[in-house]
Structures are given as structure tokens and as C-alpha cells.
Amino acid sequence: MGARTNIVLNEELVEEVKSMTSLKTKKEVVDLALNELVKQLKRKKLLAMRRKGLWEGDLAGSRRQRFATD
């Protein structure tokens, strides 16, 4: 269960979302919007972390050296 609050919503956006989904209430619309925002931000964070760890080397060369017999 969540906290109760009063917010002013853009009624046109709420109705647009309701017409595009099977959602019936404003609460469902707000819950969906919050969940989608959290998912989007998590994806961005994950992608940023993956970019930091990109390896810029010669994979084929590294493999050749690893398995080369001297």
C-alpha cells in the first residue's frame, strides 16, 4: 500500500493514456507512468555502466597469443 497524496494531473494526457491502454483509473495511469520511468532510468544507468567497461583491444590477436605454441 502506498501513501495518499493530492496531485494535479494533465487530464488530456491521462485520457490519452487510458484510451491507449486498458487502464481505467488515474491511479493506474500514474502507477504505470512511475513504473515505466523507473525502468527507463535503470536501463540508462545499466547502459552507462556497460559503456564504461568497454574493452578496446585486439581480441583476435589476444587469442592468437594465448594459444600460440612456442
PDB file of N, CA and C in Angstrom:
ATOM      1  N   MET A   1       0.849  -1.189   0.000  1.00  0.00           N
ATOM      2  CA  MET A   1       0.000   0.000   0.000  1.00  0.00           C
ATOM      3  C   MET A   1       0.878   1.230   0.000  1.00  0.00           C
ATOM      4  N   GLY A   2       0.474   2.232  -0.688  1.00  0.00           N
ATOM      5  CA  GLY A   2       1.266   3.447  -0.804  1.00  0.00           C
ATOM      6  C   GLY A   2       0.678   4.592  -0.014  1.00  0.00           C
ATOM      7  N   ALA A   3       1.371   5.703  -0.089  1.00  0.00           N
ATOM      8  CA  ALA A   3       0.929   6.919   0.595  1.00  0.00           C
ATOM      9  C   ALA A   3      -0.137   7.621  -0.240  1.00  0.00           C
ATOM     10  N   ARG A   4      -1.046   8.266   0.431  1.00  0.00           N
ATOM     11  CA  ARG A   4      -2.072   9.047  -0.253  1.00  0.00           C
ATOM     12  C   ARG A   4      -1.549  10.449  -0.471  1.00  0.00           C
ATOM     13  N   THR A   5      -1.847  10.997  -1.631  1.00  0.00           N
ATOM     14  CA  THR A   5      -1.422  12.359  -1.937  1.00  0.00           C
ATOM     15  C   THR A   5      -2.387  12.982  -2.930  1.00  0.00           C
ATOM     16  N   ASN A   6      -2.358  14.278  -3.005  1.00  0.00           N
ATOM     17  CA  ASN A   6      -3.154  15.013  -3.990  1.00  0.00           C
ATOM     18  C   ASN A   6      -2.203  15.617  -5.006  1.00  0.00           C
ATOM     19  N   ILE A   7      -2.465  15.344  -6.281  1.00  0.00           N
ATOM     20  CA  ILE A   7      -1.655  15.920  -7.344  1.00  0.00           C
ATOM     21  C   ILE A   7      -2.561  16.452  -8.443  1.00  0.00           C
ATOM     22  N   VAL A   8      -2.057  17.429  -9.161  1.00  0.00           N
ATOM     23  CA  VAL A   8      -2.787  17.976 -10.299  1.00  0.00           C
ATOM     24  C   VAL A   8      -2.233  17.290 -11.545  1.00  0.00           C
ATOM     25  N   LEU A   9      -3.102  16.620 -12.299  1.00  0.00           N
ATOM     26  CA  LEU A   9      -2.687  15.881 -13.479  1.00  0.00           C
ATOM     27  C   LEU A   9      -3.178  16.570 -14.739  1.00  0.00           C
ATOM     28  N   ASN A  10      -2.438  16.378 -15.808  1.00  0.00           N
ATOM     29  CA  ASN A  10      -2.868  16.852 -17.115  1.00  0.00           C
ATOM     30  C   ASN A  10      -3.960  15.899 -17.598  1.00  0.00           C
ATOM     31  N   GLU A  11      -5.181  16.350 -17.556  1.00  0.00           N
ATOM     32  CA  GLU A  11      -6.330  15.489 -17.870  1.00  0.00           C
ATOM     33  C   GLU A  11      -6.273  14.951 -19.297  1.00  0.00           C
ATOM     34  N   GLU A  12      -5.769  15.763 -20.231  1.00  0.00           N
ATOM     35  CA  GLU A  12      -5.680  15.307 -21.612  1.00  0.00           C
ATOM     36  C   GLU A  12      -4.728  14.118 -21.724  1.00  0.00           C
ATOM     37  N   LEU A  13      -3.589  14.199 -21.032  1.00  0.00           N
ATOM     38  CA  LEU A  13      -2.638  13.094 -21.055  1.00  0.00           C
ATOM     39  C   LEU A  13      -3.208  11.852 -20.382  1.00  0.00           C
ATOM     40  N   VAL A  14      -3.882  12.056 -19.278  1.00  0.00           N
ATOM     41  CA  VAL A  14      -4.485  10.928 -18.568  1.00  0.00           C
ATOM     42  C   VAL A  14      -5.495  10.227 -19.478  1.00  0.00           C
ATOM     43  N   GLU A  15      -6.345  10.984 -20.124  1.00  0.00           N
ATOM     44  CA  GLU A  15      -7.352  10.394 -21.011  1.00  0.00           C
ATOM     45  C   GLU A  15      -6.704   9.726 -22.219  1.00  0.00           C
ATOM     46  N   GLU A  16      -5.624  10.315 -22.724  1.00  0.00           N
ATOM     47  CA  GLU A  16      -4.917   9.712 -23.857  1.00  0.00           C
ATOM     48  C   GLU A  16      -4.341   8.346 -23.468  1.00  0.00           C
ATOM     49  N   VAL A  17      -3.726   8.281 -22.287  1.00  0.00           N
ATOM     50  CA  VAL A  17      -3.168   7.017 -21.815  1.00  0.00           C
ATOM     51  C   VAL A  17      -4.284   6.000 -21.618  1.00  0.00           C
ATOM     52  N   LYS A  18      -5.374   6.420 -21.018  1.00  0.00           N
ATOM     53  CA  LYS A  18      -6.487   5.499 -20.776  1.00  0.00           C
ATOM     54  C   LYS A  18      -7.058   4.981 -22.090  1.00  0.00           C
ATOM     55  N   SER A  19      -7.094   5.823 -23.119  1.00  0.00           N
ATOM     56  CA  SER A  19      -7.639   5.386 -24.410  1.00  0.00           C
ATOM     57  C   SER A  19      -6.670   4.448 -25.137  1.00  0.00           C
ATOM     58  N   MET A  20      -5.383   4.521 -24.809  1.00  0.00           N
ATOM     59  CA  MET A  20      -4.376   3.692 -25.474  1.00  0.00           C
ATOM     60  C   MET A  20      -4.099   2.396 -24.723  1.00  0.00           C
ATOM     61  N   THR A  21      -4.640   2.273 -23.528  1.00  0.00           N
ATOM     62  CA  THR A  21      -4.390   1.100 -22.696  1.00  0.00           C
ATOM     63  C   THR A  21      -5.724   0.576 -22.166  1.00  0.00           C
ATOM     64  N   SER A  22      -5.627  -0.436 -21.342  1.00  0.00           N
ATOM     65  CA  SER A  22      -6.833  -0.968 -20.697  1.00  0.00           C
ATOM     66  C   SER A  22      -7.003  -0.377 -19.294  1.00  0.00           C
ATOM     67  N   LEU A  23      -6.221   0.662 -18.981  1.00  0.00           N
ATOM     68  CA  LEU A  23      -6.294   1.268 -17.650  1.00  0.00           C
ATOM     69  C   LEU A  23      -7.605   2.021 -17.487  1.00  0.00           C
ATOM     70  N   LYS A  24      -8.149   1.944 -16.277  1.00  0.00           N
ATOM     71  CA  LYS A  24      -9.455   2.560 -16.019  1.00  0.00           C
ATOM     72  C   LYS A  24      -9.378   3.757 -15.078  1.00  0.00           C
ATOM     73  N   THR A  25      -8.360   3.801 -14.221  1.00  0.00           N
ATOM     74  CA  THR A  25      -8.316   4.855 -13.201  1.00  0.00           C
ATOM     75  C   THR A  25      -7.065   5.715 -13.342  1.00  0.00           C
ATOM     76  N   LYS A  26      -7.147   6.890 -12.758  1.00  0.00           N
ATOM     77  CA  LYS A  26      -5.987   7.786 -12.743  1.00  0.00           C
ATOM     78  C   LYS A  26      -4.845   7.165 -11.950  1.00  0.00           C
ATOM     79  N   LYS A  27      -5.177   6.462 -10.888  1.00  0.00           N
ATOM     80  CA  LYS A  27      -4.147   5.804 -10.081  1.00  0.00           C
ATOM     81  C   LYS A  27      -3.375   4.804 -10.920  1.00  0.00           C
ATOM     82  N   GLU A  28      -4.089   4.020 -11.732  1.00  0.00           N
ATOM     83  CA  GLU A  28      -3.418   3.051 -12.597  1.00  0.00           C
ATOM     84  C   GLU A  28      -2.510   3.753 -13.605  1.00  0.00           C
ATOM     85  N   VAL A  29      -2.958   4.875 -14.126  1.00  0.00           N
ATOM     86  CA  VAL A  29      -2.152   5.642 -15.084  1.00  0.00           C
ATOM     87  C   VAL A  29      -0.874   6.152 -14.415  1.00  0.00           C
ATOM     88  N   VAL A  30      -1.012   6.718 -13.230  1.00  0.00           N
ATOM     89  CA  VAL A  30       0.157   7.237 -12.512  1.00  0.00           C
ATOM     90  C   VAL A  30       1.106   6.099 -12.143  1.00  0.00           C
ATOM     91  N   ASP A  31       0.580   4.975 -11.678  1.00  0.00           N
ATOM     92  CA  ASP A  31       1.421   3.821 -11.346  1.00  0.00           C
ATOM     93  C   ASP A  31       2.197   3.340 -12.568  1.00  0.00           C
ATOM     94  N   LEU A  32       1.516   3.239 -13.709  1.00  0.00           N
ATOM     95  CA  LEU A  32       2.182   2.816 -14.937  1.00  0.00           C
ATOM     96  C   LEU A  32       3.293   3.805 -15.305  1.00  0.00           C
ATOM     97  N   ALA A  33       2.988   5.084 -15.249  1.00  0.00           N
ATOM     98  CA  ALA A  33       3.977   6.097 -15.603  1.00  0.00           C
ATOM     99  C   ALA A  33       5.203   6.025 -14.703  1.00  0.00           C
ATOM    100  N   LEU A  34       4.992   5.856 -13.410  1.00  0.00           N
ATOM    101  CA  LEU A  34       6.119   5.753 -12.479  1.00  0.00           C
ATOM    102  C   LEU A  34       6.938   4.498 -12.735  1.00  0.00           C
ATOM    103  N   ASN A  35       6.268   3.372 -12.961  1.00  0.00           N
ATOM    104  CA  ASN A  35       6.982   2.125 -13.246  1.00  0.00           C
ATOM    105  C   ASN A  35       7.790   2.223 -14.535  1.00  0.00           C
ATOM    106  N   GLU A  36       7.217   2.819 -15.563  1.00  0.00           N
ATOM    107  CA  GLU A  36       7.927   2.975 -16.830  1.00  0.00           C
ATOM    108  C   GLU A  36       9.126   3.907 -16.681  1.00  0.00           C
ATOM    109  N   LEU A  37       8.985   4.968 -15.903  1.00  0.00           N
ATOM    110  CA  LEU A  37      10.096   5.886 -15.660  1.00  0.00           C
ATOM    111  C   LEU A  37      11.235   5.175 -14.937  1.00  0.00           C
ATOM    112  N   VAL A  38      10.901   4.396 -13.924  1.00  0.00           N
ATOM    113  CA  VAL A  38      11.927   3.654 -13.181  1.00  0.00           C
ATOM    114  C   VAL A  38      12.649   2.682 -14.107  1.00  0.00           C
ATOM    115  N   LYS A  39      11.908   1.953 -14.946  1.00  0.00           N
ATOM    116  CA  LYS A  39      12.534   1.007 -15.878  1.00  0.00           C
ATOM    117  C   LYS A  39      13.473   1.727 -16.842  1.00  0.00           C
ATOM    118  N   GLN A  40      13.011   2.867 -17.364  1.00  0.00           N
ATOM    119  CA  GLN A  40      13.822   3.641 -18.315  1.00  0.00           C
ATOM    120  C   GLN A  40      15.113   4.135 -17.662  1.00  0.00           C
ATOM    121  N   LEU A  41      15.012   4.652 -16.447  1.00  0.00           N
ATOM    122  CA  LEU A  41      16.196   5.153 -15.760  1.00  0.00           C
ATOM    123  C   LEU A  41      17.171   4.034 -15.414  1.00  0.00           C
ATOM    124  N   LYS A  42      16.647   2.866 -15.040  1.00  0.00           N
ATOM    125  CA  LYS A  42      17.516   1.715 -14.767  1.00  0.00           C
ATOM    126  C   LYS A  42      18.243   1.274 -16.026  1.00  0.00           C
ATOM    127  N   ARG A  43      17.533   1.267 -17.166  1.00  0.00           N
ATOM    128  CA  ARG A  43      18.174   0.898 -18.434  1.00  0.00           C
ATOM    129  C   ARG A  43      19.288   1.873 -18.778  1.00  0.00           C
ATOM    130  N   LYS A  44      19.026   3.170 -18.604  1.00  0.00           N
ATOM    131  CA  LYS A  44      20.050   4.187 -18.893  1.00  0.00           C
ATOM    132  C   LYS A  44      21.273   3.994 -18.001  1.00  0.00           C
ATOM    133  N   LYS A  45      21.026   3.707 -16.742  1.00  0.00           N
ATOM    134  CA  LYS A  45      22.136   3.504 -15.807  1.00  0.00           C
ATOM    135  C   LYS A  45      22.945   2.271 -16.201  1.00  0.00           C
ATOM    136  N   LEU A  46      22.252   1.206 -16.555  1.00  0.00           N
ATOM    137  CA  LEU A  46      22.930  -0.017 -16.966  1.00  0.00           C
ATOM    138  C   LEU A  46      23.752   0.209 -18.233  1.00  0.00           C
ATOM    139  N   LEU A  47      23.177   0.900 -19.204  1.00  0.00           N
ATOM    140  CA  LEU A  47      23.911   1.184 -20.436  1.00  0.00           C
ATOM    141  C   LEU A  47      25.132   2.057 -20.169  1.00  0.00           C
ATOM    142  N   ALA A  48      24.995   3.020 -19.281  1.00  0.00           N
ATOM    143  CA  ALA A  48      26.139   3.880 -18.939  1.00  0.00           C
ATOM    144  C   ALA A  48      27.238   3.055 -18.283  1.00  0.00           C
ATOM    145  N   MET A  49      26.860   2.124 -17.432  1.00  0.00           N
ATOM    146  CA  MET A  49      27.852   1.269 -16.775  1.00  0.00           C
ATOM    147  C   MET A  49      28.531   0.366 -17.796  1.00  0.00           C
ATOM    148  N   ARG A  50      27.780  -0.146 -18.750  1.00  0.00           N
ATOM    149  CA  ARG A  50      28.363  -1.031 -19.772  1.00  0.00           C
ATOM    150  C   ARG A  50      29.337  -0.257 -20.645  1.00  0.00           C
ATOM    151  N   ARG A  51      29.019   0.999 -20.985  1.00  0.00           N
ATOM    152  CA  ARG A  51      29.914   1.797 -21.825  1.00  0.00           C
ATOM    153  C   ARG A  51      31.243   2.056 -21.143  1.00  0.00           C
ATOM    154  N   LYS A  52      31.225   2.205 -19.834  1.00  0.00           N
ATOM    155  CA  LYS A  52      32.461   2.463 -19.091  1.00  0.00           C
ATOM    156  C   LYS A  52      33.398   1.272 -19.142  1.00  0.00           C
ATOM    157  N   GLY A  53      32.854   0.087 -19.284  1.00  0.00           N
ATOM    158  CA  GLY A  53      33.662  -1.115 -19.233  1.00  0.00           C
ATOM    159  C   GLY A  53      34.021  -1.677 -20.596  1.00  0.00           C
ATOM    160  N   LEU A  54      33.831  -0.888 -21.654  1.00  0.00           N
ATOM    161  CA  LEU A  54      34.145  -1.403 -22.981  1.00  0.00           C
ATOM    162  C   LEU A  54      35.634  -1.634 -23.129  1.00  0.00           C
ATOM    163  N   TRP A  55      35.960  -2.762 -23.679  1.00  0.00           N
ATOM    164  CA  TRP A  55      37.355  -3.123 -23.888  1.00  0.00           C
ATOM    165  C   TRP A  55      37.743  -2.727 -25.299  1.00  0.00           C
ATOM    166  N   GLU A  56      38.845  -2.050 -25.437  1.00  0.00           N
ATOM    167  CA  GLU A  56      39.312  -1.609 -26.747  1.00  0.00           C
ATOM    168  C   GLU A  56      40.647  -2.274 -27.044  1.00  0.00           C
ATOM    169  N   GLY A  57      40.602  -3.515 -27.380  1.00  0.00           N
ATOM    170  CA  GLY A  57      41.813  -4.252 -27.681  1.00  0.00           C
ATOM    171  C   GLY A  57      41.631  -5.092 -28.922  1.00  0.00           C
ATOM    172  N   ASP A  58      42.632  -5.896 -29.215  1.00  0.00           N
ATOM    173  CA  ASP A  58      42.610  -6.778 -30.365  1.00  0.00           C
ATOM    174  C   ASP A  58      42.272  -8.180 -29.882  1.00  0.00           C
ATOM    175  N   LEU A  59      41.004  -8.536 -29.947  1.00  0.00           N
ATOM    176  CA  LEU A  59      40.564  -9.826 -29.438  1.00  0.00           C
ATOM    177  C   LEU A  59      41.205 -10.970 -30.214  1.00  0.00           C
ATOM    178  N   ALA A  60      41.219 -10.866 -31.540  1.00  0.00           N
ATOM    179  CA  ALA A  60      41.801 -11.933 -32.354  1.00  0.00           C
ATOM    180  C   ALA A  60      43.286 -12.090 -32.031  1.00  0.00           C
ATOM    181  N   GLY A  61      44.001 -10.985 -31.915  1.00  0.00           N
ATOM    182  CA  GLY A  61      45.425 -11.035 -31.584  1.00  0.00           C
ATOM    183  C   GLY A  61      45.659 -11.624 -30.205  1.00  0.00           C
ATOM    184  N   SER A  62      44.816 -11.254 -29.280  1.00  0.00           N
ATOM    185  CA  SER A  62      44.934 -11.770 -27.922  1.00  0.00           C
ATOM    186  C   SER A  62      44.725 -13.283 -27.910  1.00  0.00           C
ATOM    187  N   ARG A  63      43.772 -13.744 -28.682  1.00  0.00           N
ATOM    188  CA  ARG A  63      43.516 -15.180 -28.760  1.00  0.00           C
ATOM    189  C   ARG A  63      44.693 -15.910 -29.419  1.00  0.00           C
ATOM    190  N   ARG A  64      45.264 -15.306 -30.456  1.00  0.00           N
ATOM    191  CA  ARG A  64      46.417 -15.934 -31.116  1.00  0.00           C
ATOM    192  C   ARG A  64      47.572 -16.085 -30.139  1.00  0.00           C
ATOM    193  N   GLN A  65      47.832 -15.046 -29.364  1.00  0.00           N
ATOM    194  CA  GLN A  65      48.927 -15.093 -28.394  1.00  0.00           C
ATOM    195  C   GLN A  65      48.646 -16.128 -27.315  1.00  0.00           C
ATOM    196  N   ARG A  66      47.411 -16.213 -26.914  1.00  0.00           N
ATOM    197  CA  ARG A  66      47.044 -17.126 -25.826  1.00  0.00           C
ATOM    198  C   ARG A  66      47.241 -18.583 -26.222  1.00  0.00           C
ATOM    199  N   PHE A  67      46.943 -18.890 -27.478  1.00  0.00           N
ATOM    200  CA  PHE A  67      47.000 -20.281 -27.919  1.00  0.00           C
ATOM    201  C   PHE A  67      48.207 -20.588 -28.796  1.00  0.00           C
ATOM    202  N   ALA A  68      49.119 -19.639 -28.909  1.00  0.00           N
ATOM    203  CA  ALA A  68      50.316 -19.860 -29.735  1.00  0.00           C
ATOM    204  C   ALA A  68      51.247 -20.853 -29.035  1.00  0.00           C
ATOM    205  N   THR A  69      51.835 -21.709 -29.836  1.00  0.00           N
ATOM    206  CA  THR A  69      52.823 -22.641 -29.279  1.00  0.00           C
ATOM    207  C   THR A  69      54.198 -22.168 -29.669  1.00  0.00           C
ATOM    208  N   ASP A  70      55.038 -22.047 -28.691  1.00  0.00           N
ATOM    209  CA  ASP A  70      56.413 -21.558 -28.954  1.00  0.00           C
ATOM    210  C   ASP A  70      57.379 -22.671 -29.133  1.00  0.00           C
TER     211      ASP A  70
END
